[in-house]
Protein backbone atom coordinates (compact mmCIF):
# COMPACT_ATOMS: atom_id res chain seq x y z
CA UNK A 1 -37.11 -16.90 9.77
CA UNK A 2 -39.97 -14.53 8.92
CA UNK A 3 -42.83 -16.47 6.75
CA UNK A 4 -45.70 -15.30 4.76
CA UNK A 5 -48.40 -17.42 3.53
CA UNK A 6 -50.70 -15.69 0.18
CA UNK A 7 -52.72 -17.12 -2.54
CA UNK A 8 -56.06 -18.54 -0.75
CA UNK A 9 -59.48 -17.93 -1.83
CA UNK A 10 -62.49 -19.16 -3.40
CA UNK A 11 -62.42 -22.19 -5.91
CA UNK A 12 -65.10 -24.26 -7.03
CA UNK A 13 -64.49 -27.62 -6.98
CA UNK A 14 -62.46 -29.03 -9.30
CA UNK A 15 -60.56 -25.97 -9.88
CA UNK A 16 -56.75 -24.55 -9.03
CA UNK A 17 -55.60 -22.15 -6.84
CA UNK A 18 -51.77 -21.85 -6.16
CA UNK A 19 -51.08 -20.88 -2.37
CA UNK A 20 -47.38 -19.31 -1.91
CA UNK A 21 -44.76 -19.15 1.30
CA UNK A 22 -42.55 -16.11 1.10
CA UNK A 23 -39.68 -16.81 3.60
CA UNK A 24 -37.41 -13.91 5.02
CA UNK A 25 -35.10 -13.47 7.95
CA UNK A 26 -31.90 -16.55 8.11
CA UNK A 27 -33.51 -18.45 5.25
CA UNK A 28 -30.04 -20.32 5.19
CA UNK A 29 -30.54 -21.98 8.06
CA UNK A 30 -34.32 -23.68 7.18
CA UNK A 31 -34.28 -27.28 6.95
CA UNK A 32 -37.84 -27.78 5.25
CA UNK A 33 -40.98 -26.25 4.75
CA UNK A 34 -44.25 -27.34 5.00
CA UNK A 35 -48.31 -26.70 4.40
CA UNK A 36 -50.61 -27.87 6.87
CA UNK A 37 -54.48 -26.98 6.91
CA UNK A 38 -56.94 -26.81 9.37
CA UNK A 39 -60.60 -27.44 8.67
CA UNK A 40 -63.34 -26.46 11.43
CA UNK A 41 -63.88 -28.85 14.04
CA UNK A 42 -60.67 -30.91 13.03
CA UNK A 43 -57.08 -30.97 14.08
CA UNK A 44 -54.37 -29.24 11.76
CA UNK A 45 -52.72 -31.80 9.56
CA UNK A 46 -49.59 -31.78 7.53
CA UNK A 47 -50.19 -31.48 3.78
CA UNK A 48 -47.14 -31.47 2.38
CA UNK A 49 -43.39 -30.57 3.18
CA UNK A 50 -40.52 -30.25 0.84
CA UNK A 51 -37.08 -30.75 1.83
CA UNK A 52 -35.20 -27.79 1.41
CA UNK A 53 -31.17 -29.17 0.49
CA UNK A 54 -32.74 -32.00 -1.69
CA UNK A 55 -36.31 -31.15 -2.79
CA UNK A 56 -37.24 -34.38 -1.26
CA UNK A 57 -41.24 -34.30 -0.85
CA UNK A 58 -44.09 -35.86 0.88
CA UNK A 59 -47.71 -35.97 0.50
CA UNK A 60 -50.66 -36.61 2.76
CA UNK A 61 -52.47 -39.60 1.19
CA UNK A 62 -55.96 -36.90 0.61
CA UNK A 63 -53.93 -35.21 -1.81
CA UNK A 64 -51.93 -37.54 -3.40
CA UNK A 65 -51.72 -36.52 -7.62
CA UNK A 66 -53.72 -33.46 -6.97
CA UNK A 67 -51.22 -31.20 -5.10
CA UNK A 68 -47.72 -30.42 -6.03
CA UNK A 69 -45.17 -27.99 -3.35
CA UNK A 70 -42.68 -26.79 -4.94
CA UNK A 71 -39.55 -23.90 -3.88
CA UNK A 72 -38.40 -21.02 -5.97
CA UNK A 73 -34.47 -21.05 -4.76
CA UNK A 74 -34.29 -17.16 -5.73
CA UNK A 75 -36.97 -15.71 -4.15
CA UNK A 76 -37.30 -18.28 -0.54
CA UNK A 77 -40.37 -19.03 -1.43
CA UNK A 78 -42.47 -22.44 -1.71
CA UNK A 79 -45.77 -23.11 -3.51
CA UNK A 80 -48.72 -25.40 -2.99
CA UNK A 81 -50.45 -25.85 -6.14
CA UNK A 82 -53.67 -27.18 -5.40
CA UNK A 83 -55.35 -28.95 -8.85
CA UNK A 84 -58.34 -30.41 -8.61
CA UNK A 85 -59.84 -29.28 -6.10
CA UNK A 86 -62.48 -30.45 -3.49
CA UNK A 87 -65.42 -29.39 -1.07
CA UNK A 88 -62.86 -31.50 1.51
CA UNK A 89 -60.20 -29.54 0.72
CA UNK A 90 -61.71 -26.01 2.71
CA UNK A 91 -59.79 -25.28 5.52
CA UNK A 92 -56.96 -22.34 6.71
CA UNK A 93 -54.10 -23.26 5.11
CA UNK A 94 -50.39 -22.68 6.75
CA UNK A 95 -46.78 -22.81 6.38
CA UNK A 96 -43.88 -23.77 8.69
CA UNK A 97 -40.40 -23.93 8.45
CA UNK A 98 -37.27 -26.14 10.68
CA UNK A 99 -33.91 -25.79 10.86
CA UNK A 100 -31.71 -28.71 10.83
CA UNK A 101 -32.17 -30.53 14.01
CA UNK A 102 -35.38 -29.51 14.94
CA UNK A 103 -38.10 -32.25 15.95
CA UNK A 104 -40.82 -30.13 14.47
CA UNK A 105 -41.80 -27.02 12.42
CA UNK A 106 -40.18 -23.94 14.12
CA UNK A 107 -41.79 -21.35 12.15
CA UNK A 108 -45.49 -20.27 11.05
CA UNK A 109 -46.92 -18.40 8.42
CA UNK A 110 -50.25 -16.74 9.16
CA UNK A 111 -53.21 -18.83 7.66
CA UNK A 112 -54.88 -18.17 4.65
CA UNK A 113 -58.30 -19.82 3.62
CA UNK A 114 -59.05 -21.80 0.92
CA UNK A 115 -62.75 -22.57 0.15
CA UNK A 116 -63.60 -25.04 -2.30
CA UNK A 117 -67.24 -25.24 -3.52
CA UNK A 118 -69.60 -27.69 -4.60
């Protein structure tokens, strides 16, 4: 499975941005996909994830009510809609995926920079 992330950029605080992650290869084996972020000097954290089978989602508390993760089956693409962006959302965002039975994410896309200006 290969993952291609896109959509990062510069946005003002309060603005919106949508990240995309296109999966290719053996996409039928995907169990779930997630978005992570890593800010300078901080550890990488899971921001949101979605189960491929039933669309069950999870969000870290700091983005609940502002970010939405979704997927388009026809395009094998997962999106992260970021609304009401805050400067603390500034980070490199990564998408990731894993297969059924995997204990953690096995496949990673390249990072995409998101910068929120105050």
